[in-house]
C-alpha atoms as a PDB file:
ATOM      1  CA  UNK A   1       0.000   0.000   0.000  1.00  0.00           C
ATOM      2  CA  UNK A   2       1.363   3.413  -0.982  1.00  0.00           C
ATOM      3  CA  UNK A   3       1.966   5.845   1.847  1.00  0.00           C
ATOM      4  CA  UNK A   4       1.351   9.573   1.672  1.00  0.00           C
ATOM      5  CA  UNK A   5       4.433  11.683   2.373  1.00  0.00           C
ATOM      6  CA  UNK A   6       3.523  14.438   4.867  1.00  0.00           C
ATOM      7  CA  UNK A   7       3.775  17.987   3.552  1.00  0.00           C
ATOM      8  CA  UNK A   8       6.438  19.788   5.590  1.00  0.00           C
ATOM      9  CA  UNK A   9       4.820  23.132   4.692  1.00  0.00           C
ATOM     10  CA  UNK A  10       1.414  22.197   6.102  1.00  0.00           C
ATOM     11  CA  UNK A  11      -0.250  24.506   8.599  1.00  0.00           C
ATOM     12  CA  UNK A  12       0.231  22.171  11.530  1.00  0.00           C
ATOM     13  CA  UNK A  13       3.822  21.209  10.738  1.00  0.00           C
ATOM     14  CA  UNK A  14       4.993  24.822  10.368  1.00  0.00           C
ATOM     15  CA  UNK A  15       3.192  25.851  13.556  1.00  0.00           C
ATOM     16  CA  UNK A  16       4.780  22.994  15.517  1.00  0.00           C
ATOM     17  CA  UNK A  17       8.219  23.840  14.109  1.00  0.00           C
ATOM     18  CA  UNK A  18       7.924  27.511  15.077  1.00  0.00           C
ATOM     19  CA  UNK A  19       6.594  26.773  18.573  1.00  0.00           C
ATOM     20  CA  UNK A  20       9.374  24.237  19.136  1.00  0.00           C
ATOM     21  CA  UNK A  21      11.964  26.843  18.125  1.00  0.00           C
ATOM     22  CA  UNK A  22      10.620  29.436  20.570  1.00  0.00           C
ATOM     23  CA  UNK A  23       9.880  26.767  23.197  1.00  0.00           C
ATOM     24  CA  UNK A  24       6.216  27.657  23.558  1.00  0.00           C
ATOM     25  CA  UNK A  25       3.149  25.475  23.886  1.00  0.00           C
ATOM     26  CA  UNK A  26       0.219  25.559  21.473  1.00  0.00           C
ATOM     27  CA  UNK A  27      -2.020  28.039  23.279  1.00  0.00           C
ATOM     28  CA  UNK A  28      -4.114  31.096  22.589  1.00  0.00           C
ATOM     29  CA  UNK A  29      -1.273  33.578  23.038  1.00  0.00           C
ATOM     30  CA  UNK A  30      -0.545  32.745  19.394  1.00  0.00           C
ATOM     31  CA  UNK A  31      -4.117  31.978  18.460  1.00  0.00           C
ATOM     32  CA  UNK A  32      -5.264  29.997  15.402  1.00  0.00           C
ATOM     33  CA  UNK A  33      -6.821  33.193  14.039  1.00  0.00           C
ATOM     34  CA  UNK A  34      -3.539  35.127  14.226  1.00  0.00           C
ATOM     35  CA  UNK A  35      -1.570  32.203  12.831  1.00  0.00           C
ATOM     36  CA  UNK A  36      -4.030  31.811   9.947  1.00  0.00           C
ATOM     37  CA  UNK A  37      -3.732  35.541   9.200  1.00  0.00           C
ATOM     38  CA  UNK A  38       0.053  35.287   9.143  1.00  0.00           C
ATOM     39  CA  UNK A  39       0.048  32.248   6.889  1.00  0.00           C
ATOM     40  CA  UNK A  40      -2.341  33.817   4.383  1.00  0.00           C
ATOM     41  CA  UNK A  41      -0.070  36.874   4.172  1.00  0.00           C
ATOM     42  CA  UNK A  42       2.953  34.616   3.633  1.00  0.00           C
ATOM     43  CA  UNK A  43       1.187  32.504   0.999  1.00  0.00           C
ATOM     44  CA  UNK A  44       0.253  35.562  -1.041  1.00  0.00           C
ATOM     45  CA  UNK A  45       3.681  37.207  -0.827  1.00  0.00           C
ATOM     46  CA  UNK A  46       5.528  33.975  -1.564  1.00  0.00           C
ATOM     47  CA  UNK A  47       3.438  33.344  -4.675  1.00  0.00           C
ATOM     48  CA  UNK A  48       4.059  36.930  -5.803  1.00  0.00           C
ATOM     49  CA  UNK A  49       7.830  36.501  -5.405  1.00  0.00           C
ATOM     50  CA  UNK A  50       7.825  33.182  -7.271  1.00  0.00           C
ATOM     51  CA  UNK A  51       5.853  34.747 -10.135  1.00  0.00           C
ATOM     52  CA  UNK A  52       8.420  37.561 -10.353  1.00  0.00           C
ATOM     53  CA  UNK A  53      11.258  35.011 -10.494  1.00  0.00           C
ATOM     54  CA  UNK A  54       9.634  32.526 -12.889  1.00  0.00           C
ATOM     55  CA  UNK A  55      11.275  30.730 -14.724  1.00  0.00           C
ATOM     56  CA  UNK A  56      14.596  31.728 -13.142  1.00  0.00           C
ATOM     57  CA  UNK A  57      15.637  28.189 -12.172  1.00  0.00           C
ATOM     58  CA  UNK A  58      14.286  24.701 -11.522  1.00  0.00           C
ATOM     59  CA  UNK A  59      13.734  25.453  -7.840  1.00  0.00           C
ATOM     60  CA  UNK A  60      11.339  28.300  -8.644  1.00  0.00           C
ATOM     61  CA  UNK A  61       9.566  26.173 -11.273  1.00  0.00           C
ATOM     62  CA  UNK A  62       9.094  23.323  -8.785  1.00  0.00           C
ATOM     63  CA  UNK A  63       7.899  25.595  -5.979  1.00  0.00           C
ATOM     64  CA  UNK A  64       5.287  27.393  -8.084  1.00  0.00           C
ATOM     65  CA  UNK A  65       4.097  24.249  -9.910  1.00  0.00           C
ATOM     66  CA  UNK A  66       0.988  23.613  -7.715  1.00  0.00           C
ATOM     67  CA  UNK A  67      -0.402  26.950  -8.937  1.00  0.00           C
ATOM     68  CA  UNK A  68       0.424  26.644 -12.647  1.00  0.00           C
ATOM     69  CA  UNK A  69      -2.421  26.145 -15.119  1.00  0.00           C
ATOM     70  CA  UNK A  70      -2.554  26.041 -18.916  1.00  0.00           C
ATOM     71  CA  UNK A  71      -5.749  26.966 -20.733  1.00  0.00           C
ATOM     72  CA  UNK A  72      -6.512  27.123 -24.439  1.00  0.00           C
ATOM     73  CA  UNK A  73      -8.901  30.070 -24.559  1.00  0.00           C
ATOM     74  CA  UNK A  74     -11.223  30.738 -27.506  1.00  0.00           C
ATOM     75  CA  UNK A  75     -11.068  34.167 -29.104  1.00  0.00           C
ATOM     76  CA  UNK A  76     -14.445  35.931 -29.051  1.00  0.00           C
ATOM     77  CA  UNK A  77     -14.860  39.179 -30.993  1.00  0.00           C
ATOM     78  CA  UNK A  78     -11.086  39.542 -31.039  1.00  0.00           C
ATOM     79  CA  UNK A  79     -10.710  39.101 -27.261  1.00  0.00           C
ATOM     80  CA  UNK A  80      -9.663  36.374 -24.856  1.00  0.00           C
ATOM     81  CA  UNK A  81     -11.195  36.349 -21.389  1.00  0.00           C
ATOM     82  CA  UNK A  82      -8.732  35.106 -18.795  1.00  0.00           C
ATOM     83  CA  UNK A  83      -9.991  32.462 -16.312  1.00  0.00           C
ATOM     84  CA  UNK A  84     -11.709  33.468 -13.074  1.00  0.00           C
ATOM     85  CA  UNK A  85      -8.842  32.038 -11.006  1.00  0.00           C
ATOM     86  CA  UNK A  86      -6.189  33.881 -13.055  1.00  0.00           C
ATOM     87  CA  UNK A  87      -3.585  35.759 -11.028  1.00  0.00           C
ATOM     88  CA  UNK A  88      -0.629  36.370 -13.366  1.00  0.00           C
ATOM     89  CA  UNK A  89       0.455  35.191 -16.795  1.00  0.00           C
ATOM     90  CA  UNK A  90       3.658  33.155 -16.777  1.00  0.00           C
ATOM     91  CA  UNK A  91       5.725  33.891 -19.852  1.00  0.00           C
ATOM     92  CA  UNK A  92       3.679  35.021 -22.843  1.00  0.00           C
ATOM     93  CA  UNK A  93       0.403  33.813 -24.378  1.00  0.00           C
ATOM     94  CA  UNK A  94       0.891  31.691 -27.503  1.00  0.00           C
ATOM     95  CA  UNK A  95      -0.885  30.543 -30.637  1.00  0.00           C
ATOM     96  CA  UNK A  96      -0.521  27.260 -32.507  1.00  0.00           C
ATOM     97  CA  UNK A  97       0.539  28.339 -36.001  1.00  0.00           C
ATOM     98  CA  UNK A  98       0.803  25.973 -38.932  1.00  0.00           C
ATOM     99  CA  UNK A  99       4.334  25.264 -40.228  1.00  0.00           C
ATOM    100  CA  UNK A 100       4.141  28.037 -42.829  1.00  0.00           C
ATOM    101  CA  UNK A 101       2.838  30.650 -40.344  1.00  0.00           C
ATOM    102  CA  UNK A 102      -0.095  31.437 -42.641  1.00  0.00           C
ATOM    103  CA  UNK A 103      -2.844  30.279 -40.311  1.00  0.00           C
ATOM    104  CA  UNK A 104      -3.613  28.423 -37.122  1.00  0.00           C
ATOM    105  CA  UNK A 105      -2.872  24.803 -36.343  1.00  0.00           C
ATOM    106  CA  UNK A 106      -5.251  22.486 -34.502  1.00  0.00           C
ATOM    107  CA  UNK A 107      -5.163  21.952 -30.769  1.00  0.00           C
ATOM    108  CA  UNK A 108      -2.228  19.608 -30.086  1.00  0.00           C
ATOM    109  CA  UNK A 109      -3.793  17.627 -27.230  1.00  0.00           C
ATOM    110  CA  UNK A 110      -7.265  16.631 -26.113  1.00  0.00           C
ATOM    111  CA  UNK A 111      -6.134  15.631 -22.612  1.00  0.00           C
ATOM    112  CA  UNK A 112      -5.757  18.118 -19.721  1.00  0.00           C
ATOM    113  CA  UNK A 113      -2.713  20.276 -20.342  1.00  0.00           C
ATOM    114  CA  UNK A 114       0.351  20.484 -18.133  1.00  0.00           C
ATOM    115  CA  UNK A 115       3.648  22.288 -18.800  1.00  0.00           C
ATOM    116  CA  UNK A 116       5.156  18.886 -19.697  1.00  0.00           C
ATOM    117  CA  UNK A 117       2.588  17.407 -22.078  1.00  0.00           C
ATOM    118  CA  UNK A 118       1.937  20.847 -23.565  1.00  0.00           C
ATOM    119  CA  UNK A 119       5.436  20.950 -25.076  1.00  0.00           C
ATOM    120  CA  UNK A 120       5.306  17.291 -26.126  1.00  0.00           C
ATOM    121  CA  UNK A 121       1.937  17.834 -27.766  1.00  0.00           C
ATOM    122  CA  UNK A 122       3.301  20.685 -29.878  1.00  0.00           C
ATOM    123  CA  UNK A 123       6.137  18.483 -31.135  1.00  0.00           C
ATOM    124  CA  UNK A 124       3.780  15.616 -31.991  1.00  0.00           C
ATOM    125  CA  UNK A 125       1.228  17.785 -33.770  1.00  0.00           C
ATOM    126  CA  UNK A 126       3.653  19.538 -36.114  1.00  0.00           C
ATOM    127  CA  UNK A 127       2.363  22.930 -34.966  1.00  0.00           C
ATOM    128  CA  UNK A 128       4.579  25.948 -34.444  1.00  0.00           C
ATOM    129  CA  UNK A 129       4.271  27.751 -31.136  1.00  0.00           C
ATOM    130  CA  UNK A 130       4.311  31.509 -31.724  1.00  0.00           C
ATOM    131  CA  UNK A 131       4.390  33.963 -28.831  1.00  0.00           C
ATOM    132  CA  UNK A 132       1.798  36.721 -28.615  1.00  0.00           C
ATOM    133  CA  UNK A 133       3.775  39.885 -27.934  1.00  0.00           C
ATOM    134  CA  UNK A 134       1.983  41.986 -25.298  1.00  0.00           C
ATOM    135  CA  UNK A 135       2.185  45.756 -25.795  1.00  0.00           C
ATOM    136  CA  UNK A 136       0.897  48.735 -23.824  1.00  0.00           C
ATOM    137  CA  UNK A 137      -2.363  49.968 -25.309  1.00  0.00           C
ATOM    138  CA  UNK A 138      -0.712  53.313 -26.077  1.00  0.00           C
ATOM    139  CA  UNK A 139       1.597  51.628 -28.626  1.00  0.00           C
ATOM    140  CA  UNK A 140      -0.994  49.520 -30.414  1.00  0.00           C
ATOM    141  CA  UNK A 141      -2.250  52.172 -32.831  1.00  0.00           C
ATOM    142  CA  UNK A 142       1.276  52.745 -34.141  1.00  0.00           C
ATOM    143  CA  UNK A 143       1.917  49.000 -34.579  1.00  0.00           C
ATOM    144  CA  UNK A 144      -1.338  48.448 -36.463  1.00  0.00           C
ATOM    145  CA  UNK A 145      -0.328  51.184 -38.928  1.00  0.00           C
ATOM    146  CA  UNK A 146       3.150  49.751 -39.413  1.00  0.00           C
ATOM    147  CA  UNK A 147       4.110  48.593 -42.907  1.00  0.00           C
ATOM    148  CA  UNK A 148       6.964  46.355 -41.713  1.00  0.00           C
ATOM    149  CA  UNK A 149       5.894  45.115 -38.268  1.00  0.00           C
ATOM    150  CA  UNK A 150       2.173  44.487 -38.795  1.00  0.00           C
ATOM    151  CA  UNK A 151       0.855  41.571 -36.681  1.00  0.00           C
ATOM    152  CA  UNK A 152       0.820  38.167 -38.432  1.00  0.00           C
ATOM    153  CA  UNK A 153       0.381  34.538 -37.416  1.00  0.00           C
ATOM    154  CA  UNK A 154       4.153  34.400 -37.149  1.00  0.00           C
ATOM    155  CA  UNK A 155       4.261  37.480 -34.930  1.00  0.00           C
ATOM    156  CA  UNK A 156       0.846  38.075 -33.273  1.00  0.00           C
ATOM    157  CA  UNK A 157       0.303  40.812 -30.696  1.00  0.00           C
ATOM    158  CA  UNK A 158      -2.023  41.489 -27.804  1.00  0.00           C
ATOM    159  CA  UNK A 159      -2.873  44.218 -25.335  1.00  0.00           C
ATOM    160  CA  UNK A 160      -4.828  44.342 -22.108  1.00  0.00           C
ATOM    161  CA  UNK A 161      -8.282  45.886 -22.278  1.00  0.00           C
ATOM    162  CA  UNK A 162      -8.716  45.368 -18.540  1.00  0.00           C
ATOM    163  CA  UNK A 163      -7.056  43.246 -15.876  1.00  0.00           C
ATOM    164  CA  UNK A 164      -8.381  39.938 -17.211  1.00  0.00           C
ATOM    165  CA  UNK A 165      -9.199  40.632 -20.855  1.00  0.00           C
ATOM    166  CA  UNK A 166      -6.746  40.742 -23.780  1.00  0.00           C
ATOM    167  CA  UNK A 167      -7.355  41.945 -27.330  1.00  0.00           C
ATOM    168  CA  UNK A 168      -5.387  39.924 -29.911  1.00  0.00           C
ATOM    169  CA  UNK A 169      -4.330  40.503 -33.507  1.00  0.00           C
ATOM    170  CA  UNK A 170      -4.463  39.218 -36.273  1.00  0.00           C
ATOM    171  CA  UNK A 171      -8.190  39.329 -35.764  1.00  0.00           C
ATOM    172  CA  UNK A 172      -8.789  35.919 -37.366  1.00  0.00           C
ATOM    173  CA  UNK A 173      -7.144  34.096 -34.459  1.00  0.00           C
ATOM    174  CA  UNK A 174      -9.510  31.539 -32.940  1.00  0.00           C
ATOM    175  CA  UNK A 175      -7.719  30.433 -29.767  1.00  0.00           C
ATOM    176  CA  UNK A 176      -4.771  31.383 -27.573  1.00  0.00           C
ATOM    177  CA  UNK A 177      -2.853  29.201 -25.125  1.00  0.00           C
ATOM    178  CA  UNK A 178      -2.137  30.847 -21.787  1.00  0.00           C
ATOM    179  CA  UNK A 179       0.032  29.499 -18.991  1.00  0.00           C
ATOM    180  CA  UNK A 180      -0.765  31.325 -15.784  1.00  0.00           C
ATOM    181  CA  UNK A 181      -0.491  31.227 -12.017  1.00  0.00           C
ATOM    182  CA  UNK A 182      -3.865  30.885 -10.372  1.00  0.00           C
ATOM    183  CA  UNK A 183      -4.943  32.567  -7.170  1.00  0.00           C
ATOM    184  CA  UNK A 184      -3.934  30.999  -3.895  1.00  0.00           C
ATOM    185  CA  UNK A 185      -6.651  29.535  -1.673  1.00  0.00           C
ATOM    186  CA  UNK A 186      -7.360  31.283   1.620  1.00  0.00           C
ATOM    187  CA  UNK A 187      -6.121  29.001   4.378  1.00  0.00           C
ATOM    188  CA  UNK A 188      -7.906  28.144   7.593  1.00  0.00           C
ATOM    189  CA  UNK A 189      -6.353  26.463  10.602  1.00  0.00           C
ATOM    190  CA  UNK A 190      -9.042  24.247  12.119  1.00  0.00           C
ATOM    191  CA  UNK A 191      -8.862  23.690  15.850  1.00  0.00           C
ATOM    192  CA  UNK A 192     -10.706  22.451  18.927  1.00  0.00           C
ATOM    193  CA  UNK A 193     -10.326  24.633  22.066  1.00  0.00           C
ATOM    194  CA  UNK A 194      -9.389  22.932  25.316  1.00  0.00           C
ATOM    195  CA  UNK A 195     -10.280  23.969  28.916  1.00  0.00           C
ATOM    196  CA  UNK A 196      -6.683  24.968  29.763  1.00  0.00           C
ATOM    197  CA  UNK A 197      -6.326  27.764  27.157  1.00  0.00           C
ATOM    198  CA  UNK A 198      -4.714  25.397  24.649  1.00  0.00           C
ATOM    199  CA  UNK A 199      -6.136  23.981  21.433  1.00  0.00           C
ATOM    200  CA  UNK A 200      -5.661  20.900  19.317  1.00  0.00           C
ATOM    201  CA  UNK A 201      -5.449  20.733  15.555  1.00  0.00           C
ATOM    202  CA  UNK A 202      -8.613  19.744  13.675  1.00  0.00           C
ATOM    203  CA  UNK A 203      -7.829  18.513  10.134  1.00  0.00           C
ATOM    204  CA  UNK A 204     -11.537  18.159   9.302  1.00  0.00           C
ATOM    205  CA  UNK A 205     -12.092  21.932   9.322  1.00  0.00           C
ATOM    206  CA  UNK A 206      -8.679  22.938   7.990  1.00  0.00           C
ATOM    207  CA  UNK A 207      -8.045  24.411   4.551  1.00  0.00           C
ATOM    208  CA  UNK A 208      -4.352  23.689   4.087  1.00  0.00           C
ATOM    209  CA  UNK A 209      -1.591  25.108   1.938  1.00  0.00           C
ATOM    210  CA  UNK A 210      -0.955  24.044  -1.638  1.00  0.00           C
ATOM    211  CA  UNK A 211       2.722  24.844  -1.392  1.00  0.00           C
ATOM    212  CA  UNK A 212       4.822  21.711  -1.071  1.00  0.00           C
ATOM    213  CA  UNK A 213       7.620  20.595   1.235  1.00  0.00           C
ATOM    214  CA  UNK A 214      10.120  22.333  -1.053  1.00  0.00           C
ATOM    215  CA  UNK A 215       8.851  25.674   0.330  1.00  0.00           C
ATOM    216  CA  UNK A 216       9.339  24.712   3.991  1.00  0.00           C
ATOM    217  CA  UNK A 217      12.383  26.914   4.638  1.00  0.00           C
ATOM    218  CA  UNK A 218      10.800  30.046   3.179  1.00  0.00           C
ATOM    219  CA  UNK A 219       7.465  29.573   4.957  1.00  0.00           C
ATOM    220  CA  UNK A 220       9.082  28.567   8.261  1.00  0.00           C
ATOM    221  CA  UNK A 221      11.449  31.564   8.288  1.00  0.00           C
ATOM    222  CA  UNK A 222       8.636  33.986   7.435  1.00  0.00           C
ATOM    223  CA  UNK A 223       6.307  32.500  10.062  1.00  0.00           C
ATOM    224  CA  UNK A 224       9.003  32.557  12.737  1.00  0.00           C
ATOM    225  CA  UNK A 225       9.717  36.194  11.892  1.00  0.00           C
ATOM    226  CA  UNK A 226       6.032  37.160  12.146  1.00  0.00           C
ATOM    227  CA  UNK A 227       5.633  35.199  15.385  1.00  0.00           C
ATOM    228  CA  UNK A 228       8.569  37.103  16.910  1.00  0.00           C
ATOM    229  CA  UNK A 229       7.153  40.447  15.739  1.00  0.00           C
ATOM    230  CA  UNK A 230       3.717  39.561  17.136  1.00  0.00           C
ATOM    231  CA  UNK A 231       5.186  38.407  20.468  1.00  0.00           C
ATOM    232  CA  UNK A 232       6.876  41.811  20.869  1.00  0.00           C
ATOM    233  CA  UNK A 233       3.787  43.787  19.824  1.00  0.00           C
ATOM    234  CA  UNK A 234       0.440  41.921  19.711  1.00  0.00           C
ATOM    235  CA  UNK A 235      -1.262  45.100  18.468  1.00  0.00           C
ATOM    236  CA  UNK A 236       0.807  45.182  15.282  1.00  0.00           C
ATOM    237  CA  UNK A 237      -1.281  45.053  12.112  1.00  0.00           C
ATOM    238  CA  UNK A 238       0.779  45.589   8.969  1.00  0.00           C
ATOM    239  CA  UNK A 239       2.596  42.256   8.839  1.00  0.00           C
ATOM    240  CA  UNK A 240       2.701  42.262   5.040  1.00  0.00           C
ATOM    241  CA  UNK A 241       4.692  45.512   4.962  1.00  0.00           C
ATOM    242  CA  UNK A 242       7.005  44.179   7.669  1.00  0.00           C
ATOM    243  CA  UNK A 243       7.875  41.119   5.578  1.00  0.00           C
ATOM    244  CA  UNK A 244       8.467  43.243   2.485  1.00  0.00           C
ATOM    245  CA  UNK A 245      10.707  45.699   4.349  1.00  0.00           C
ATOM    246  CA  UNK A 246      12.866  42.889   5.771  1.00  0.00           C
ATOM    247  CA  UNK A 247      12.986  40.945   2.499  1.00  0.00           C
ATOM    248  CA  UNK A 248      12.136  37.705   4.274  1.00  0.00           C
ATOM    249  CA  UNK A 249      10.621  35.976   1.226  1.00  0.00           C
END
């Protein structure tokens, strides 16, 4: 029977590691509500930093992988609507061009897409993968009037109409592949209060992290830092700014 390897970055494991370091028991001085708040701040900032660094190295790629999605989005009236869970595009959107770059190629895979089978599917299908260059809207008018750099299937362009909607050109494009980081899930540390001002972990009401064990050091260091700041000043509020100022993540 296969065994599940515990996630070192889980809510309970990080909490136990921090409390062991500071030699404190699991009690309401560092309440589940405060700990959950700290972890949600850390999750958001860590994902932001990984997005900024992507694809710097294999470590970053591995750490962000639980949040990476690939969608082939149909073009409607010249636009693509990014998914509801979209947070940031990773790399650039792409189109599947035929080998002569005169039109679009069919979708390379029918199965759910991952960064791995996406690339393999392109090779198997004979399609070319052409990047959609994203420009500021202020530059688009000039590009569309250009006689030497006009958008083609070999060199398509796009520009944001709003935060989750992109206009693409040439206007006969029918679909665009987008690899993106999706939003993190808000965590919740489930617990059962005890009569002696302590609490025990309740996995049945917990919403746990999606970061893996490979993020343990970053999450542990950030949590320990916020615990220490909170212990010195329980009235402190702006923990996000504190982490940014110290460059913890």
